[in-house]
PDB file of N, CA and C in Angstrom:
ATOM      1  N   UNK A   1      96.107   1.353   0.373  1.00  0.00           N
ATOM      2  CA  UNK A   1      95.395   0.503   0.134  1.00  0.00           C
ATOM      3  C   UNK A   1      94.016   1.463   0.004  1.00  0.00           C
ATOM      4  N   UNK A   2      93.086   2.279   1.232  1.00  0.00           N
ATOM      5  CA  UNK A   2      92.262   2.757   1.175  1.00  0.00           C
ATOM      6  C   UNK A   2      92.162   3.943   0.093  1.00  0.00           C
ATOM      7  N   UNK A   3      92.934   4.686  -0.103  1.00  0.00           N
ATOM      8  CA  UNK A   3      92.556   5.314  -1.303  1.00  0.00           C
ATOM      9  C   UNK A   3      92.626   4.549  -2.824  1.00  0.00           C
ATOM     10  N   UNK A   4      92.888   3.474  -2.974  1.00  0.00           N
ATOM     11  CA  UNK A   4      93.003   2.696  -4.173  1.00  0.00           C
ATOM     12  C   UNK A   4      91.336   2.054  -4.160  1.00  0.00           C
ATOM     13  N   UNK A   5      91.239   1.716  -2.750  1.00  0.00           N
ATOM     14  CA  UNK A   5      89.532   1.013  -3.107  1.00  0.00           C
ATOM     15  C   UNK A   5      88.537   1.743  -2.916  1.00  0.00           C
ATOM     16  N   UNK A   6      88.757   2.908  -2.128  1.00  0.00           N
ATOM     17  CA  UNK A   6      87.684   3.621  -1.887  1.00  0.00           C
ATOM     18  C   UNK A   6      87.664   4.492  -3.185  1.00  0.00           C
ATOM     19  N   UNK A   7      88.681   5.013  -3.918  1.00  0.00           N
ATOM     20  CA  UNK A   7      88.304   5.428  -5.328  1.00  0.00           C
ATOM     21  C   UNK A   7      88.174   4.787  -6.186  1.00  0.00           C
ATOM     22  N   UNK A   8      88.236   3.510  -6.421  1.00  0.00           N
ATOM     23  CA  UNK A   8      87.619   2.215  -7.529  1.00  0.00           C
ATOM     24  C   UNK A   8      86.532   2.568  -7.099  1.00  0.00           C
ATOM     25  N   UNK A   9      85.576   2.273  -5.519  1.00  0.00           N
ATOM     26  CA  UNK A   9      84.182   1.809  -5.601  1.00  0.00           C
ATOM     27  C   UNK A   9      83.655   3.499  -5.475  1.00  0.00           C
ATOM     28  N   UNK A  10      83.979   5.013  -5.523  1.00  0.00           N
ATOM     29  CA  UNK A  10      83.499   5.584  -5.428  1.00  0.00           C
ATOM     30  C   UNK A  10      83.557   6.532  -6.739  1.00  0.00           C
ATOM     31  N   UNK A  11      84.933   6.440  -7.174  1.00  0.00           N
ATOM     32  CA  UNK A  11      85.165   7.198  -8.854  1.00  0.00           C
ATOM     33  C   UNK A  11      84.958   6.575 -10.278  1.00  0.00           C
ATOM     34  N   UNK A  12      84.768   4.732  -9.759  1.00  0.00           N
ATOM     35  CA  UNK A  12      84.252   4.065 -10.727  1.00  0.00           C
ATOM     36  C   UNK A  12      86.006   3.431 -11.379  1.00  0.00           C
ATOM     37  N   UNK A  13      87.068   3.912 -10.156  1.00  0.00           N
ATOM     38  CA  UNK A  13      88.284   3.112 -11.038  1.00  0.00           C
ATOM     39  C   UNK A  13      89.190   4.229 -11.531  1.00  0.00           C
ATOM     40  N   UNK A  14      88.911   5.523 -11.776  1.00  0.00           N
ATOM     41  CA  UNK A  14      90.054   7.067 -11.920  1.00  0.00           C
ATOM     42  C   UNK A  14      89.690   7.887 -11.130  1.00  0.00           C
ATOM     43  N   UNK A  15      90.444   8.392 -10.389  1.00  0.00           N
ATOM     44  CA  UNK A  15      90.574   9.753  -9.291  1.00  0.00           C
ATOM     45  C   UNK A  15      90.576  10.773 -10.188  1.00  0.00           C
ATOM     46  N   UNK A  16      89.470  12.329 -10.239  1.00  0.00           N
ATOM     47  CA  UNK A  16      89.707  13.229 -10.926  1.00  0.00           C
ATOM     48  C   UNK A  16      90.470  13.976 -10.164  1.00  0.00           C
ATOM     49  N   UNK A  17      91.850  14.440 -10.870  1.00  0.00           N
ATOM     50  CA  UNK A  17      92.553  15.106 -10.112  1.00  0.00           C
ATOM     51  C   UNK A  17      93.517  16.209 -11.080  1.00  0.00           C
ATOM     52  N   UNK A  18      92.559  17.709 -10.695  1.00  0.00           N
ATOM     53  CA  UNK A  18      93.010  18.641 -11.202  1.00  0.00           C
ATOM     54  C   UNK A  18      93.242  18.596 -12.734  1.00  0.00           C
ATOM     55  N   UNK A  19      91.684  17.927 -13.524  1.00  0.00           N
ATOM     56  CA  UNK A  19      91.456  18.223 -14.640  1.00  0.00           C
ATOM     57  C   UNK A  19      92.110  16.707 -15.090  1.00  0.00           C
ATOM     58  N   UNK A  20      92.762  15.980 -14.299  1.00  0.00           N
ATOM     59  CA  UNK A  20      93.356  14.408 -15.155  1.00  0.00           C
ATOM     60  C   UNK A  20      92.280  13.358 -14.252  1.00  0.00           C
ATOM     61  N   UNK A  21      92.524  12.068 -15.256  1.00  0.00           N
ATOM     62  CA  UNK A  21      91.515  10.786 -14.346  1.00  0.00           C
ATOM     63  C   UNK A  21      93.129   9.947 -14.107  1.00  0.00           C
ATOM     64  N   UNK A  22      93.771   9.954 -12.981  1.00  0.00           N
ATOM     65  CA  UNK A  22      94.855   9.033 -12.295  1.00  0.00           C
ATOM     66  C   UNK A  22      94.037   7.764 -12.161  1.00  0.00           C
ATOM     67  N   UNK A  23      94.199   6.655 -12.197  1.00  0.00           N
ATOM     68  CA  UNK A  23      94.119   5.455 -11.874  1.00  0.00           C
ATOM     69  C   UNK A  23      93.878   5.349 -10.254  1.00  0.00           C
ATOM     70  N   UNK A  24      93.212   4.543  -9.910  1.00  0.00           N
ATOM     71  CA  UNK A  24      93.220   4.311  -8.312  1.00  0.00           C
ATOM     72  C   UNK A  24      94.359   3.927  -7.647  1.00  0.00           C
ATOM     73  N   UNK A  25      94.657   2.930  -8.091  1.00  0.00           N
ATOM     74  CA  UNK A  25      95.791   2.416  -7.964  1.00  0.00           C
ATOM     75  C   UNK A  25      97.347   2.627  -8.033  1.00  0.00           C
ATOM     76  N   UNK A  26      97.249   3.269  -8.944  1.00  0.00           N
ATOM     77  CA  UNK A  26      98.461   4.321  -9.343  1.00  0.00           C
ATOM     78  C   UNK A  26      98.514   5.609  -8.699  1.00  0.00           C
ATOM     79  N   UNK A  27      96.866   6.243  -8.331  1.00  0.00           N
ATOM     80  CA  UNK A  27      97.319   7.601  -7.265  1.00  0.00           C
ATOM     81  C   UNK A  27      97.584   6.978  -6.051  1.00  0.00           C
ATOM     82  N   UNK A  28      97.167   5.937  -5.246  1.00  0.00           N
ATOM     83  CA  UNK A  28      97.198   5.591  -4.284  1.00  0.00           C
ATOM     84  C   UNK A  28      99.018   5.431  -3.815  1.00  0.00           C
ATOM     85  N   UNK A  29      99.890   4.389  -5.192  1.00  0.00           N
ATOM     86  CA  UNK A  29     101.136   4.601  -5.072  1.00  0.00           C
ATOM     87  C   UNK A  29     101.707   5.560  -5.238  1.00  0.00           C
ATOM     88  N   UNK A  30     101.506   6.740  -5.626  1.00  0.00           N
ATOM     89  CA  UNK A  30     102.114   8.120  -5.861  1.00  0.00           C
ATOM     90  C   UNK A  30     101.526   8.922  -4.249  1.00  0.00           C
ATOM     91  N   UNK A  31     100.451   8.707  -4.065  1.00  0.00           N
ATOM     92  CA  UNK A  31     100.476   9.183  -2.419  1.00  0.00           C
ATOM     93  C   UNK A  31     101.131   8.459  -1.026  1.00  0.00           C
ATOM     94  N   UNK A  32     101.426   6.849  -1.242  1.00  0.00           N
ATOM     95  CA  UNK A  32     101.999   6.476  -1.162  1.00  0.00           C
ATOM     96  C   UNK A  32     103.731   6.922  -0.770  1.00  0.00           C
ATOM     97  N   UNK A  33     104.293   7.083  -1.880  1.00  0.00           N
ATOM     98  CA  UNK A  33     105.288   7.501  -1.935  1.00  0.00           C
ATOM     99  C   UNK A  33     105.726   9.109  -1.610  1.00  0.00           C
ATOM    100  N   UNK A  34     104.839   9.369  -1.872  1.00  0.00           N
ATOM    101  CA  UNK A  34     105.218  11.213  -1.592  1.00  0.00           C
ATOM    102  C   UNK A  34     104.982  11.488   0.343  1.00  0.00           C
ATOM    103  N   UNK A  35     104.190  10.387   0.645  1.00  0.00           N
ATOM    104  CA  UNK A  35     104.079  10.388   2.110  1.00  0.00           C
ATOM    105  C   UNK A  35     105.319  10.154   2.802  1.00  0.00           C
ATOM    106  N   UNK A  36     105.619   8.685   2.088  1.00  0.00           N
ATOM    107  CA  UNK A  36     107.236   8.514   2.596  1.00  0.00           C
ATOM    108  C   UNK A  36     108.309   9.249   2.680  1.00  0.00           C
ATOM    109  N   UNK A  37     108.108   9.721   1.468  1.00  0.00           N
ATOM    110  CA  UNK A  37     109.579  10.821   1.632  1.00  0.00           C
ATOM    111  C   UNK A  37     109.005  12.228   2.530  1.00  0.00           C
ATOM    112  N   UNK A  38     108.152  12.605   2.433  1.00  0.00           N
ATOM    113  CA  UNK A  38     107.882  13.715   3.646  1.00  0.00           C
ATOM    114  C   UNK A  38     107.903  13.001   5.272  1.00  0.00           C
ATOM    115  N   UNK A  39     107.589  11.821   5.321  1.00  0.00           N
ATOM    116  CA  UNK A  39     108.364  10.847   6.722  1.00  0.00           C
ATOM    117  C   UNK A  39     109.111  10.943   7.015  1.00  0.00           C
ATOM    118  N   UNK A  40     110.590  10.775   5.833  1.00  0.00           N
ATOM    119  CA  UNK A  40     111.760  10.609   5.973  1.00  0.00           C
ATOM    120  C   UNK A  40     112.593  11.777   6.443  1.00  0.00           C
ATOM    121  N   UNK A  41     111.766  12.819   6.152  1.00  0.00           N
ATOM    122  CA  UNK A  41     112.666  14.363   6.028  1.00  0.00           C
ATOM    123  C   UNK A  41     113.293  14.520   7.859  1.00  0.00           C
ATOM    124  N   UNK A  42     114.769  14.762   8.041  1.00  0.00           N
ATOM    125  CA  UNK A  42     114.583  14.982   8.923  1.00  0.00           C
ATOM    126  C   UNK A  42     115.895  13.786   9.630  1.00  0.00           C
ATOM    127  N   UNK A  43     116.454  14.205  11.006  1.00  0.00           N
ATOM    128  CA  UNK A  43     117.516  13.493  11.538  1.00  0.00           C
ATOM    129  C   UNK A  43     116.988  12.128  12.372  1.00  0.00           C
ATOM    130  N   UNK A  44     117.398  11.085  12.095  1.00  0.00           N
ATOM    131  CA  UNK A  44     116.815  10.124  12.907  1.00  0.00           C
ATOM    132  C   UNK A  44     117.946   9.853  14.093  1.00  0.00           C
ATOM    133  N   UNK A  45     116.989   9.889  15.626  1.00  0.00           N
ATOM    134  CA  UNK A  45     117.953   9.667  16.857  1.00  0.00           C
ATOM    135  C   UNK A  45     117.339   8.304  16.894  1.00  0.00           C
ATOM    136  N   UNK A  46     118.951   8.019  17.623  1.00  0.00           N
ATOM    137  CA  UNK A  46     118.605   6.302  18.169  1.00  0.00           C
ATOM    138  C   UNK A  46     118.845   6.728  19.644  1.00  0.00           C
ATOM    139  N   UNK A  47     118.472   5.419  20.504  1.00  0.00           N
ATOM    140  CA  UNK A  47     118.234   5.574  21.647  1.00  0.00           C
ATOM    141  C   UNK A  47     119.956   5.783  22.353  1.00  0.00           C
ATOM    142  N   UNK A  48     120.606   4.795  21.525  1.00  0.00           N
ATOM    143  CA  UNK A  48     121.848   4.540  22.193  1.00  0.00           C
ATOM    144  C   UNK A  48     123.032   6.038  21.548  1.00  0.00           C
ATOM    145  N   UNK A  49     122.410   6.911  21.466  1.00  0.00           N
ATOM    146  CA  UNK A  49     123.137   7.986  20.548  1.00  0.00           C
ATOM    147  C   UNK A  49     124.282   8.605  21.622  1.00  0.00           C
ATOM    148  N   UNK A  50     125.173   8.195  21.638  1.00  0.00           N
ATOM    149  CA  UNK A  50     126.483   8.421  22.303  1.00  0.00           C
ATOM    150  C   UNK A  50     127.356  10.173  21.810  1.00  0.00           C
ATOM    151  N   UNK A  51     126.951  10.560  20.352  1.00  0.00           N
ATOM    152  CA  UNK A  51     127.778  11.537  20.210  1.00  0.00           C
ATOM    153  C   UNK A  51     127.819  12.654  21.433  1.00  0.00           C
ATOM    154  N   UNK A  52     126.301  12.968  21.309  1.00  0.00           N
ATOM    155  CA  UNK A  52     126.287  14.003  22.047  1.00  0.00           C
ATOM    156  C   UNK A  52     126.631  14.093  23.494  1.00  0.00           C
ATOM    157  N   UNK A  53     127.315  12.956  24.441  1.00  0.00           N
ATOM    158  CA  UNK A  53     127.956  12.991  25.533  1.00  0.00           C
ATOM    159  C   UNK A  53     129.409  13.585  25.702  1.00  0.00           C
ATOM    160  N   UNK A  54     129.839  14.376  26.180  1.00  0.00           N
ATOM    161  CA  UNK A  54     131.283  15.030  26.269  1.00  0.00           C
ATOM    162  C   UNK A  54     131.802  14.501  27.245  1.00  0.00           C
ATOM    163  N   UNK A  55     133.185  14.176  27.288  1.00  0.00           N
ATOM    164  CA  UNK A  55     133.734  13.645  28.371  1.00  0.00           C
ATOM    165  C   UNK A  55     134.152  14.346  29.318  1.00  0.00           C
ATOM    166  N   UNK A  56     134.606  13.788  30.551  1.00  0.00           N
ATOM    167  CA  UNK A  56     134.453  14.764  31.503  1.00  0.00           C
ATOM    168  C   UNK A  56     135.794  15.217  31.590  1.00  0.00           C
ATOM    169  N   UNK A  57     136.274  16.425  32.158  1.00  0.00           N
ATOM    170  CA  UNK A  57     138.154  16.905  32.019  1.00  0.00           C
ATOM    171  C   UNK A  57     138.311  15.928  33.101  1.00  0.00           C
ATOM    172  N   UNK A  58     139.257  15.269  33.125  1.00  0.00           N
ATOM    173  CA  UNK A  58     140.539  14.400  34.036  1.00  0.00           C
ATOM    174  C   UNK A  58     140.981  15.030  34.831  1.00  0.00           C
ATOM    175  N   UNK A  59     140.861  14.897  36.165  1.00  0.00           N
ATOM    176  CA  UNK A  59     141.554  15.443  37.118  1.00  0.00           C
ATOM    177  C   UNK A  59     142.629  14.499  37.836  1.00  0.00           C
ATOM    178  N   UNK A  60     143.524  15.263  37.932  1.00  0.00           N
ATOM    179  CA  UNK A  60     144.212  14.208  39.054  1.00  0.00           C
ATOM    180  C   UNK A  60     144.410  14.579  40.914  1.00  0.00           C
ATOM    181  N   UNK A  61     144.247  13.223  41.524  1.00  0.00           N
ATOM    182  CA  UNK A  61     143.920  13.913  43.029  1.00  0.00           C
ATOM    183  C   UNK A  61     145.151  13.640  43.403  1.00  0.00           C
ATOM    184  N   UNK A  62     146.158  14.307  44.210  1.00  0.00           N
ATOM    185  CA  UNK A  62     147.157  14.058  44.926  1.00  0.00           C
ATOM    186  C   UNK A  62     147.233  13.225  46.119  1.00  0.00           C
TER     187      UNK A  62
END
């Protein structure tokens, strides 16, 4: 949202990007999508993940 509003205020509605004039709202949407993709890379770890806990060996006491 900051990119869209700031670009609209500073660049008059179009952000210059590698020689192209990208509309501010579209540029902000593309930036948000790319940021979401970057932040979603990797494996999520939950607090109650028990897959790494190994069962103890059973011992019989006589």
